[in-house]
ModelCIF file with pLDDT and N, C-alpha, C, O atoms, coordinates in Angstrom:
data_MODEL
#
_entry.id   MODEL 
#
_entity.id                         1 
_entity.type                       polymer 
_entity.pdbx_number_of_molecules   1 
#
_entity_poly.entity_id                      1 
_entity_poly.type                           'polypeptide(L)' 
_entity_poly.nstd_linkage                   no 
_entity_poly.nstd_monomer                   no 
_entity_poly.pdbx_seq_one_letter_code       
;(UNK)(UNK)(UNK)(UNK)(UNK)(UNK)(UNK)(UNK)(UNK)(UNK)(UNK)(UNK)(UNK)(UNK)(UNK)(UNK)
(UNK)(UNK)(UNK)(UNK)(UNK)(UNK)(UNK)(UNK)(UNK)(UNK)(UNK)(UNK)(UNK)(UNK)(UNK)(UNK)
(UNK)(UNK)(UNK)(UNK)(UNK)(UNK)(UNK)(UNK)(UNK)(UNK)(UNK)(UNK)(UNK)(UNK)
;
_entity_poly.pdbx_seq_one_letter_code_can   XXXXXXXXXXXXXXXXXXXXXXXXXXXXXXXXXXXXXXXXXXXXXX 
_entity_poly.pdbx_strand_id                 A 
#
loop_
_entity_poly_seq.entity_id 
_entity_poly_seq.num 
_entity_poly_seq.mon_id 
_entity_poly_seq.hetero 
1 1  UNK n 
1 2  UNK n 
1 3  UNK n 
1 4  UNK n 
1 5  UNK n 
1 6  UNK n 
1 7  UNK n 
1 8  UNK n 
1 9  UNK n 
1 10 UNK n 
1 11 UNK n 
1 12 UNK n 
1 13 UNK n 
1 14 UNK n 
1 15 UNK n 
1 16 UNK n 
1 17 UNK n 
1 18 UNK n 
1 19 UNK n 
1 20 UNK n 
1 21 UNK n 
1 22 UNK n 
1 23 UNK n 
1 24 UNK n 
1 25 UNK n 
1 26 UNK n 
1 27 UNK n 
1 28 UNK n 
1 29 UNK n 
1 30 UNK n 
1 31 UNK n 
1 32 UNK n 
1 33 UNK n 
1 34 UNK n 
1 35 UNK n 
1 36 UNK n 
1 37 UNK n 
1 38 UNK n 
1 39 UNK n 
1 40 UNK n 
1 41 UNK n 
1 42 UNK n 
1 43 UNK n 
1 44 UNK n 
1 45 UNK n 
1 46 UNK n 
#
_struct_asym.id          A 
_struct_asym.entity_id   1 
#
loop_
_ma_qa_metric.id 
_ma_qa_metric.mode 
_ma_qa_metric.name 
_ma_qa_metric.software_group_id 
_ma_qa_metric.type 
1 global pLDDT . pLDDT 
2 local  pLDDT . pLDDT 
#
_ma_qa_metric_global.metric_id      1 
_ma_qa_metric_global.metric_value   86.46 
_ma_qa_metric_global.model_id       1 
_ma_qa_metric_global.ordinal_id     1 
#
loop_
_ma_qa_metric_local.label_asym_id 
_ma_qa_metric_local.label_comp_id 
_ma_qa_metric_local.label_seq_id 
_ma_qa_metric_local.metric_id 
_ma_qa_metric_local.metric_value 
_ma_qa_metric_local.model_id 
_ma_qa_metric_local.ordinal_id 
A UNK 1  2 88.00 1 1  
A UNK 2  2 85.00 1 2  
A UNK 3  2 81.00 1 3  
A UNK 4  2 81.00 1 4  
A UNK 5  2 80.00 1 5  
A UNK 6  2 75.00 1 6  
A UNK 7  2 72.00 1 7  
A UNK 8  2 73.00 1 8  
A UNK 9  2 73.00 1 9  
A UNK 10 2 79.00 1 10 
A UNK 11 2 79.00 1 11 
A UNK 12 2 78.00 1 12 
A UNK 13 2 83.00 1 13 
A UNK 14 2 87.00 1 14 
A UNK 15 2 83.00 1 15 
A UNK 16 2 83.00 1 16 
A UNK 17 2 86.00 1 17 
A UNK 18 2 88.00 1 18 
A UNK 19 2 86.00 1 19 
A UNK 20 2 85.00 1 20 
A UNK 21 2 88.00 1 21 
A UNK 22 2 89.00 1 22 
A UNK 23 2 87.00 1 23 
A UNK 24 2 88.00 1 24 
A UNK 25 2 90.00 1 25 
A UNK 26 2 90.00 1 26 
A UNK 27 2 88.00 1 27 
A UNK 28 2 90.00 1 28 
A UNK 29 2 90.00 1 29 
A UNK 30 2 92.00 1 30 
A UNK 31 2 93.00 1 31 
A UNK 32 2 93.00 1 32 
A UNK 33 2 94.00 1 33 
A UNK 34 2 95.00 1 34 
A UNK 35 2 94.00 1 35 
A UNK 36 2 93.00 1 36 
A UNK 37 2 94.00 1 37 
A UNK 38 2 94.00 1 38 
A UNK 39 2 93.00 1 39 
A UNK 40 2 91.00 1 40 
A UNK 41 2 91.00 1 41 
A UNK 42 2 91.00 1 42 
A UNK 43 2 88.00 1 43 
A UNK 44 2 86.00 1 44 
A UNK 45 2 87.00 1 45 
A UNK 46 2 83.00 1 46 
#
loop_
_atom_site.group_PDB 
_atom_site.id 
_atom_site.type_symbol 
_atom_site.label_atom_id 
_atom_site.label_alt_id 
_atom_site.label_comp_id 
_atom_site.label_asym_id 
_atom_site.label_entity_id 
_atom_site.label_seq_id 
_atom_site.pdbx_PDB_ins_code 
_atom_site.Cartn_x 
_atom_site.Cartn_y 
_atom_site.Cartn_z 
_atom_site.occupancy 
_atom_site.B_iso_or_equiv 
_atom_site.pdbx_formal_charge 
_atom_site.auth_seq_id 
_atom_site.auth_comp_id 
_atom_site.auth_asym_id 
_atom_site.auth_atom_id 
_atom_site.pdbx_PDB_model_num 
ATOM 1   N N  . UNK A 1 1  ? -4.741  52.833 12.579 1.00 88.00 ? 1  UNK A N  1 
ATOM 2   C CA . UNK A 1 1  ? -5.365  51.600 12.928 1.00 88.00 ? 1  UNK A CA 1 
ATOM 3   C C  . UNK A 1 1  ? -4.421  50.371 13.290 1.00 88.00 ? 1  UNK A C  1 
ATOM 4   O O  . UNK A 1 1  ? -4.831  49.389 13.908 1.00 88.00 ? 1  UNK A O  1 
ATOM 5   N N  . UNK A 1 2  ? -3.017  50.541 12.806 1.00 85.00 ? 2  UNK A N  1 
ATOM 6   C CA . UNK A 1 2  ? -2.360  49.553 13.353 1.00 85.00 ? 2  UNK A CA 1 
ATOM 7   C C  . UNK A 1 2  ? -1.934  49.855 14.729 1.00 85.00 ? 2  UNK A C  1 
ATOM 8   O O  . UNK A 1 2  ? -1.737  48.946 15.535 1.00 85.00 ? 2  UNK A O  1 
ATOM 9   N N  . UNK A 1 3  ? -1.790  51.046 15.018 1.00 81.00 ? 3  UNK A N  1 
ATOM 10  C CA . UNK A 1 3  ? -1.355  51.555 16.528 1.00 81.00 ? 3  UNK A CA 1 
ATOM 11  C C  . UNK A 1 3  ? -2.480  51.247 17.228 1.00 81.00 ? 3  UNK A C  1 
ATOM 12  O O  . UNK A 1 3  ? -2.408  50.320 18.036 1.00 81.00 ? 3  UNK A O  1 
ATOM 13  N N  . UNK A 1 4  ? -3.639  51.908 17.066 1.00 81.00 ? 4  UNK A N  1 
ATOM 14  C CA . UNK A 1 4  ? -4.970  51.475 17.781 1.00 81.00 ? 4  UNK A CA 1 
ATOM 15  C C  . UNK A 1 4  ? -5.159  50.017 18.078 1.00 81.00 ? 4  UNK A C  1 
ATOM 16  O O  . UNK A 1 4  ? -5.562  49.663 19.186 1.00 81.00 ? 4  UNK A O  1 
ATOM 17  N N  . UNK A 1 5  ? -4.874  49.133 17.098 1.00 80.00 ? 5  UNK A N  1 
ATOM 18  C CA . UNK A 1 5  ? -5.216  47.786 17.258 1.00 80.00 ? 5  UNK A CA 1 
ATOM 19  C C  . UNK A 1 5  ? -4.364  47.040 18.325 1.00 80.00 ? 5  UNK A C  1 
ATOM 20  O O  . UNK A 1 5  ? -4.742  46.058 18.963 1.00 80.00 ? 5  UNK A O  1 
ATOM 21  N N  . UNK A 1 6  ? -3.114  47.678 18.422 1.00 75.00 ? 6  UNK A N  1 
ATOM 22  C CA . UNK A 1 6  ? -2.112  47.018 19.316 1.00 75.00 ? 6  UNK A CA 1 
ATOM 23  C C  . UNK A 1 6  ? -2.825  47.186 21.060 1.00 75.00 ? 6  UNK A C  1 
ATOM 24  O O  . UNK A 1 6  ? -2.621  46.403 21.987 1.00 75.00 ? 6  UNK A O  1 
ATOM 25  N N  . UNK A 1 7  ? -3.585  48.308 21.089 1.00 72.00 ? 7  UNK A N  1 
ATOM 26  C CA . UNK A 1 7  ? -3.829  48.761 22.506 1.00 72.00 ? 7  UNK A CA 1 
ATOM 27  C C  . UNK A 1 7  ? -5.297  48.488 22.936 1.00 72.00 ? 7  UNK A C  1 
ATOM 28  O O  . UNK A 1 7  ? -5.619  48.276 24.105 1.00 72.00 ? 7  UNK A O  1 
ATOM 29  N N  . UNK A 1 8  ? -6.270  48.515 21.749 1.00 73.00 ? 8  UNK A N  1 
ATOM 30  C CA . UNK A 1 8  ? -7.728  48.506 22.093 1.00 73.00 ? 8  UNK A CA 1 
ATOM 31  C C  . UNK A 1 8  ? -8.246  47.348 21.392 1.00 73.00 ? 8  UNK A C  1 
ATOM 32  O O  . UNK A 1 8  ? -7.765  46.836 20.382 1.00 73.00 ? 8  UNK A O  1 
ATOM 33  N N  . UNK A 1 9  ? -9.565  46.890 22.214 1.00 73.00 ? 9  UNK A N  1 
ATOM 34  C CA . UNK A 1 9  ? -10.177 45.737 21.501 1.00 73.00 ? 9  UNK A CA 1 
ATOM 35  C C  . UNK A 1 9  ? -10.878 46.136 20.163 1.00 73.00 ? 9  UNK A C  1 
ATOM 36  O O  . UNK A 1 9  ? -11.464 47.204 19.987 1.00 73.00 ? 9  UNK A O  1 
ATOM 37  N N  . UNK A 1 10 ? -10.745 45.164 19.267 1.00 79.00 ? 10 UNK A N  1 
ATOM 38  C CA . UNK A 1 10 ? -11.322 45.349 17.963 1.00 79.00 ? 10 UNK A CA 1 
ATOM 39  C C  . UNK A 1 10 ? -12.502 46.057 17.729 1.00 79.00 ? 10 UNK A C  1 
ATOM 40  O O  . UNK A 1 10 ? -12.564 46.983 16.920 1.00 79.00 ? 10 UNK A O  1 
ATOM 41  N N  . UNK A 1 11 ? -13.624 45.586 18.534 1.00 79.00 ? 11 UNK A N  1 
ATOM 42  C CA . UNK A 1 11 ? -15.004 46.114 18.588 1.00 79.00 ? 11 UNK A CA 1 
ATOM 43  C C  . UNK A 1 11 ? -14.904 47.602 19.115 1.00 79.00 ? 11 UNK A C  1 
ATOM 44  O O  . UNK A 1 11 ? -15.656 48.379 18.526 1.00 79.00 ? 11 UNK A O  1 
ATOM 45  N N  . UNK A 1 12 ? -14.153 48.122 20.069 1.00 78.00 ? 12 UNK A N  1 
ATOM 46  C CA . UNK A 1 12 ? -14.101 49.169 20.654 1.00 78.00 ? 12 UNK A CA 1 
ATOM 47  C C  . UNK A 1 12 ? -13.473 50.389 19.592 1.00 78.00 ? 12 UNK A C  1 
ATOM 48  O O  . UNK A 1 12 ? -13.899 51.540 19.490 1.00 78.00 ? 12 UNK A O  1 
ATOM 49  N N  . UNK A 1 13 ? -12.379 49.793 18.873 1.00 83.00 ? 13 UNK A N  1 
ATOM 50  C CA . UNK A 1 13 ? -11.758 50.554 17.956 1.00 83.00 ? 13 UNK A CA 1 
ATOM 51  C C  . UNK A 1 13 ? -12.609 51.001 16.941 1.00 83.00 ? 13 UNK A C  1 
ATOM 52  O O  . UNK A 1 13 ? -12.565 52.144 16.485 1.00 83.00 ? 13 UNK A O  1 
ATOM 53  N N  . UNK A 1 14 ? -13.418 50.089 16.560 1.00 87.00 ? 14 UNK A N  1 
ATOM 54  C CA . UNK A 1 14 ? -14.217 50.330 15.335 1.00 87.00 ? 14 UNK A CA 1 
ATOM 55  C C  . UNK A 1 14 ? -15.281 51.275 15.668 1.00 87.00 ? 14 UNK A C  1 
ATOM 56  O O  . UNK A 1 14 ? -15.589 52.214 14.933 1.00 87.00 ? 14 UNK A O  1 
ATOM 57  N N  . UNK A 1 15 ? -15.909 50.979 16.927 1.00 83.00 ? 15 UNK A N  1 
ATOM 58  C CA . UNK A 1 15 ? -17.024 51.790 17.453 1.00 83.00 ? 15 UNK A CA 1 
ATOM 59  C C  . UNK A 1 15 ? -16.564 53.237 17.656 1.00 83.00 ? 15 UNK A C  1 
ATOM 60  O O  . UNK A 1 15 ? -17.364 54.149 17.451 1.00 83.00 ? 15 UNK A O  1 
ATOM 61  N N  . UNK A 1 16 ? -15.353 53.477 18.036 1.00 83.00 ? 16 UNK A N  1 
ATOM 62  C CA . UNK A 1 16 ? -14.880 54.842 18.249 1.00 83.00 ? 16 UNK A CA 1 
ATOM 63  C C  . UNK A 1 16 ? -14.437 55.428 17.101 1.00 83.00 ? 16 UNK A C  1 
ATOM 64  O O  . UNK A 1 16 ? -14.737 56.613 16.956 1.00 83.00 ? 16 UNK A O  1 
ATOM 65  N N  . UNK A 1 17 ? -13.774 54.874 16.218 1.00 86.00 ? 17 UNK A N  1 
ATOM 66  C CA . UNK A 1 17 ? -13.095 55.477 15.041 1.00 86.00 ? 17 UNK A CA 1 
ATOM 67  C C  . UNK A 1 17 ? -13.866 55.393 13.676 1.00 86.00 ? 17 UNK A C  1 
ATOM 68  O O  . UNK A 1 17 ? -13.608 56.179 12.764 1.00 86.00 ? 17 UNK A O  1 
ATOM 69  N N  . UNK A 1 18 ? -14.696 54.543 13.582 1.00 88.00 ? 18 UNK A N  1 
ATOM 70  C CA . UNK A 1 18 ? -15.266 54.476 12.223 1.00 88.00 ? 18 UNK A CA 1 
ATOM 71  C C  . UNK A 1 18 ? -16.316 55.579 11.925 1.00 88.00 ? 18 UNK A C  1 
ATOM 72  O O  . UNK A 1 18 ? -16.397 56.181 10.855 1.00 88.00 ? 18 UNK A O  1 
ATOM 73  N N  . UNK A 1 19 ? -17.232 55.795 13.173 1.00 86.00 ? 19 UNK A N  1 
ATOM 74  C CA . UNK A 1 19 ? -18.100 56.991 12.894 1.00 86.00 ? 19 UNK A CA 1 
ATOM 75  C C  . UNK A 1 19 ? -17.413 58.249 12.679 1.00 86.00 ? 19 UNK A C  1 
ATOM 76  O O  . UNK A 1 19 ? -17.941 59.137 12.010 1.00 86.00 ? 19 UNK A O  1 
ATOM 77  N N  . UNK A 1 20 ? -16.127 58.396 13.270 1.00 85.00 ? 20 UNK A N  1 
ATOM 78  C CA . UNK A 1 20 ? -15.509 59.715 13.208 1.00 85.00 ? 20 UNK A CA 1 
ATOM 79  C C  . UNK A 1 20 ? -14.769 59.839 11.811 1.00 85.00 ? 20 UNK A C  1 
ATOM 80  O O  . UNK A 1 20 ? -14.675 60.938 11.265 1.00 85.00 ? 20 UNK A O  1 
ATOM 81  N N  . UNK A 1 21 ? -14.299 58.800 11.303 1.00 88.00 ? 21 UNK A N  1 
ATOM 82  C CA . UNK A 1 21 ? -13.375 58.850 9.965  1.00 88.00 ? 21 UNK A CA 1 
ATOM 83  C C  . UNK A 1 21 ? -14.215 58.713 8.758  1.00 88.00 ? 21 UNK A C  1 
ATOM 84  O O  . UNK A 1 21 ? -13.851 59.161 7.671  1.00 88.00 ? 21 UNK A O  1 
ATOM 85  N N  . UNK A 1 22 ? -15.592 57.958 8.979  1.00 89.00 ? 22 UNK A N  1 
ATOM 86  C CA . UNK A 1 22 ? -16.338 57.790 7.900  1.00 89.00 ? 22 UNK A CA 1 
ATOM 87  C C  . UNK A 1 22 ? -16.605 58.925 6.977  1.00 89.00 ? 22 UNK A C  1 
ATOM 88  O O  . UNK A 1 22 ? -16.479 58.676 5.778  1.00 89.00 ? 22 UNK A O  1 
ATOM 89  N N  . UNK A 1 23 ? -16.995 60.276 7.371  1.00 87.00 ? 23 UNK A N  1 
ATOM 90  C CA . UNK A 1 23 ? -17.292 61.427 6.534  1.00 87.00 ? 23 UNK A CA 1 
ATOM 91  C C  . UNK A 1 23 ? -15.935 61.813 5.849  1.00 87.00 ? 23 UNK A C  1 
ATOM 92  O O  . UNK A 1 23 ? -15.941 62.326 4.730  1.00 87.00 ? 23 UNK A O  1 
ATOM 93  N N  . UNK A 1 24 ? -14.789 61.566 6.521  1.00 88.00 ? 24 UNK A N  1 
ATOM 94  C CA . UNK A 1 24 ? -13.447 61.996 5.649  1.00 88.00 ? 24 UNK A CA 1 
ATOM 95  C C  . UNK A 1 24 ? -13.305 61.088 4.611  1.00 88.00 ? 24 UNK A C  1 
ATOM 96  O O  . UNK A 1 24 ? -13.069 61.502 3.476  1.00 88.00 ? 24 UNK A O  1 
ATOM 97  N N  . UNK A 1 25 ? -13.434 59.732 4.882  1.00 90.00 ? 25 UNK A N  1 
ATOM 98  C CA . UNK A 1 25 ? -13.134 58.788 3.946  1.00 90.00 ? 25 UNK A CA 1 
ATOM 99  C C  . UNK A 1 25 ? -14.073 58.934 2.739  1.00 90.00 ? 25 UNK A C  1 
ATOM 100 O O  . UNK A 1 25 ? -13.639 58.763 1.599  1.00 90.00 ? 25 UNK A O  1 
ATOM 101 N N  . UNK A 1 26 ? -15.368 59.253 2.981  1.00 90.00 ? 26 UNK A N  1 
ATOM 102 C CA . UNK A 1 26 ? -16.438 59.336 1.982  1.00 90.00 ? 26 UNK A CA 1 
ATOM 103 C C  . UNK A 1 26 ? -15.877 60.493 0.973  1.00 90.00 ? 26 UNK A C  1 
ATOM 104 O O  . UNK A 1 26 ? -15.880 60.366 -0.251 1.00 90.00 ? 26 UNK A O  1 
ATOM 105 N N  . UNK A 1 27 ? -15.381 61.673 1.695  1.00 88.00 ? 27 UNK A N  1 
ATOM 106 C CA . UNK A 1 27 ? -14.900 62.768 1.030  1.00 88.00 ? 27 UNK A CA 1 
ATOM 107 C C  . UNK A 1 27 ? -13.664 62.515 -0.030 1.00 88.00 ? 27 UNK A C  1 
ATOM 108 O O  . UNK A 1 27 ? -13.479 63.219 -1.022 1.00 88.00 ? 27 UNK A O  1 
ATOM 109 N N  . UNK A 1 28 ? -12.910 61.471 0.322  1.00 90.00 ? 28 UNK A N  1 
ATOM 110 C CA . UNK A 1 28 ? -11.894 60.957 -0.500 1.00 90.00 ? 28 UNK A CA 1 
ATOM 111 C C  . UNK A 1 28 ? -12.377 59.973 -1.451 1.00 90.00 ? 28 UNK A C  1 
ATOM 112 O O  . UNK A 1 28 ? -11.598 59.372 -2.192 1.00 90.00 ? 28 UNK A O  1 
ATOM 113 N N  . UNK A 1 29 ? -13.589 59.790 -1.458 1.00 90.00 ? 29 UNK A N  1 
ATOM 114 C CA . UNK A 1 29 ? -14.359 58.693 -2.422 1.00 90.00 ? 29 UNK A CA 1 
ATOM 115 C C  . UNK A 1 29 ? -13.940 57.295 -2.024 1.00 90.00 ? 29 UNK A C  1 
ATOM 116 O O  . UNK A 1 29 ? -13.668 56.453 -2.880 1.00 90.00 ? 29 UNK A O  1 
ATOM 117 N N  . UNK A 1 30 ? -13.895 57.076 -0.881 1.00 92.00 ? 30 UNK A N  1 
ATOM 118 C CA . UNK A 1 30 ? -13.589 55.666 -0.438 1.00 92.00 ? 30 UNK A CA 1 
ATOM 119 C C  . UNK A 1 30 ? -14.883 55.056 -0.130 1.00 92.00 ? 30 UNK A C  1 
ATOM 120 O O  . UNK A 1 30 ? -15.703 55.654 0.567  1.00 92.00 ? 30 UNK A O  1 
ATOM 121 N N  . UNK A 1 31 ? -15.129 53.773 -0.666 1.00 93.00 ? 31 UNK A N  1 
ATOM 122 C CA . UNK A 1 31 ? -16.498 53.224 -0.304 1.00 93.00 ? 31 UNK A CA 1 
ATOM 123 C C  . UNK A 1 31 ? -16.639 52.624 0.982  1.00 93.00 ? 31 UNK A C  1 
ATOM 124 O O  . UNK A 1 31 ? -15.664 52.036 1.451  1.00 93.00 ? 31 UNK A O  1 
ATOM 125 N N  . UNK A 1 32 ? -17.895 52.694 1.732  1.00 93.00 ? 32 UNK A N  1 
ATOM 126 C CA . UNK A 1 32 ? -18.031 52.331 2.983  1.00 93.00 ? 32 UNK A CA 1 
ATOM 127 C C  . UNK A 1 32 ? -17.578 50.862 2.994  1.00 93.00 ? 32 UNK A C  1 
ATOM 128 O O  . UNK A 1 32 ? -16.857 50.587 3.953  1.00 93.00 ? 32 UNK A O  1 
ATOM 129 N N  . UNK A 1 33 ? -17.846 49.839 2.126  1.00 94.00 ? 33 UNK A N  1 
ATOM 130 C CA . UNK A 1 33 ? -17.569 48.746 2.404  1.00 94.00 ? 33 UNK A CA 1 
ATOM 131 C C  . UNK A 1 33 ? -15.985 48.395 2.030  1.00 94.00 ? 33 UNK A C  1 
ATOM 132 O O  . UNK A 1 33 ? -15.522 47.318 2.406  1.00 94.00 ? 33 UNK A O  1 
ATOM 133 N N  . UNK A 1 34 ? -15.290 49.197 1.389  1.00 95.00 ? 34 UNK A N  1 
ATOM 134 C CA . UNK A 1 34 ? -13.716 49.131 1.284  1.00 95.00 ? 34 UNK A CA 1 
ATOM 135 C C  . UNK A 1 34 ? -13.335 49.644 2.577  1.00 95.00 ? 34 UNK A C  1 
ATOM 136 O O  . UNK A 1 34 ? -12.445 48.997 3.129  1.00 95.00 ? 34 UNK A O  1 
ATOM 137 N N  . UNK A 1 35 ? -13.776 50.625 3.186  1.00 94.00 ? 35 UNK A N  1 
ATOM 138 C CA . UNK A 1 35 ? -13.290 51.251 4.429  1.00 94.00 ? 35 UNK A CA 1 
ATOM 139 C C  . UNK A 1 35 ? -13.459 50.112 5.671  1.00 94.00 ? 35 UNK A C  1 
ATOM 140 O O  . UNK A 1 35 ? -12.626 49.884 6.549  1.00 94.00 ? 35 UNK A O  1 
ATOM 141 N N  . UNK A 1 36 ? -14.619 49.541 5.514  1.00 93.00 ? 36 UNK A N  1 
ATOM 142 C CA . UNK A 1 36 ? -14.790 48.446 6.465  1.00 93.00 ? 36 UNK A CA 1 
ATOM 143 C C  . UNK A 1 36 ? -13.784 47.462 6.636  1.00 93.00 ? 36 UNK A C  1 
ATOM 144 O O  . UNK A 1 36 ? -13.306 47.132 7.721  1.00 93.00 ? 36 UNK A O  1 
ATOM 145 N N  . UNK A 1 37 ? -13.407 46.894 5.253  1.00 94.00 ? 37 UNK A N  1 
ATOM 146 C CA . UNK A 1 37 ? -12.399 45.838 5.273  1.00 94.00 ? 37 UNK A CA 1 
ATOM 147 C C  . UNK A 1 37 ? -10.955 46.355 5.673  1.00 94.00 ? 37 UNK A C  1 
ATOM 148 O O  . UNK A 1 37 ? -10.144 45.643 6.265  1.00 94.00 ? 37 UNK A O  1 
ATOM 149 N N  . UNK A 1 38 ? -10.725 47.598 5.312  1.00 94.00 ? 38 UNK A N  1 
ATOM 150 C CA . UNK A 1 38 ? -9.667  48.240 5.510  1.00 94.00 ? 38 UNK A CA 1 
ATOM 151 C C  . UNK A 1 38 ? -9.431  48.344 7.071  1.00 94.00 ? 38 UNK A C  1 
ATOM 152 O O  . UNK A 1 38 ? -8.359  48.054 7.601  1.00 94.00 ? 38 UNK A O  1 
ATOM 153 N N  . UNK A 1 39 ? -10.527 48.779 7.734  1.00 93.00 ? 39 UNK A N  1 
ATOM 154 C CA . UNK A 1 39 ? -10.586 48.844 9.307  1.00 93.00 ? 39 UNK A CA 1 
ATOM 155 C C  . UNK A 1 39 ? -10.348 47.417 9.716  1.00 93.00 ? 39 UNK A C  1 
ATOM 156 O O  . UNK A 1 39 ? -9.341  47.164 10.378 1.00 93.00 ? 39 UNK A O  1 
ATOM 157 N N  . UNK A 1 40 ? -11.167 46.487 9.389  1.00 91.00 ? 40 UNK A N  1 
ATOM 158 C CA . UNK A 1 40 ? -11.047 45.064 10.093 1.00 91.00 ? 40 UNK A CA 1 
ATOM 159 C C  . UNK A 1 40 ? -9.887  44.477 9.834  1.00 91.00 ? 40 UNK A C  1 
ATOM 160 O O  . UNK A 1 40 ? -9.488  43.759 10.751 1.00 91.00 ? 40 UNK A O  1 
ATOM 161 N N  . UNK A 1 41 ? -9.091  44.552 8.731  1.00 91.00 ? 41 UNK A N  1 
ATOM 162 C CA . UNK A 1 41 ? -7.871  43.841 8.411  1.00 91.00 ? 41 UNK A CA 1 
ATOM 163 C C  . UNK A 1 41 ? -6.863  44.547 9.217  1.00 91.00 ? 41 UNK A C  1 
ATOM 164 O O  . UNK A 1 41 ? -6.022  43.804 9.724  1.00 91.00 ? 41 UNK A O  1 
ATOM 165 N N  . UNK A 1 42 ? -6.734  45.946 9.482  1.00 91.00 ? 42 UNK A N  1 
ATOM 166 C CA . UNK A 1 42 ? -5.835  46.392 10.248 1.00 91.00 ? 42 UNK A CA 1 
ATOM 167 C C  . UNK A 1 42 ? -5.866  46.164 11.504 1.00 91.00 ? 42 UNK A C  1 
ATOM 168 O O  . UNK A 1 42 ? -4.831  45.995 12.148 1.00 91.00 ? 42 UNK A O  1 
ATOM 169 N N  . UNK A 1 43 ? -6.882  46.132 11.954 1.00 88.00 ? 43 UNK A N  1 
ATOM 170 C CA . UNK A 1 43 ? -7.176  45.711 13.460 1.00 88.00 ? 43 UNK A CA 1 
ATOM 171 C C  . UNK A 1 43 ? -6.957  44.281 13.756 1.00 88.00 ? 43 UNK A C  1 
ATOM 172 O O  . UNK A 1 43 ? -6.627  43.921 14.886 1.00 88.00 ? 43 UNK A O  1 
ATOM 173 N N  . UNK A 1 44 ? -7.133  43.434 12.759 1.00 86.00 ? 44 UNK A N  1 
ATOM 174 C CA . UNK A 1 44 ? -6.926  42.030 12.937 1.00 86.00 ? 44 UNK A CA 1 
ATOM 175 C C  . UNK A 1 44 ? -5.545  41.643 13.267 1.00 86.00 ? 44 UNK A C  1 
ATOM 176 O O  . UNK A 1 44 ? -5.306  40.631 13.925 1.00 86.00 ? 44 UNK A O  1 
ATOM 177 N N  . UNK A 1 45 ? -4.470  42.575 12.741 1.00 87.00 ? 45 UNK A N  1 
ATOM 178 C CA . UNK A 1 45 ? -3.163  42.471 13.249 1.00 87.00 ? 45 UNK A CA 1 
ATOM 179 C C  . UNK A 1 45 ? -2.864  42.862 14.630 1.00 87.00 ? 45 UNK A C  1 
ATOM 180 O O  . UNK A 1 45 ? -1.851  42.535 15.249 1.00 87.00 ? 45 UNK A O  1 
ATOM 181 N N  . UNK A 1 46 ? -3.765  43.543 15.037 1.00 83.00 ? 46 UNK A N  1 
ATOM 182 C CA . UNK A 1 46 ? -3.631  43.997 16.544 1.00 83.00 ? 46 UNK A CA 1 
ATOM 183 C C  . UNK A 1 46 ? -3.771  42.753 17.549 1.00 83.00 ? 46 UNK A C  1 
ATOM 184 O O  . UNK A 1 46 ? -3.691  42.929 18.765 1.00 83.00 ? 46 UNK A O  1 
#
């Protein structure tokens, strides 16, 4: 996410990566809310 945030718009990065990574994150027991904040905080640095 840090690398992607350097090159892509925040909205585009979320829309592309979040649906693809959500099943994997859920399999690791990550809450969707927690995943959302991790996504947004990382992309904010971008």
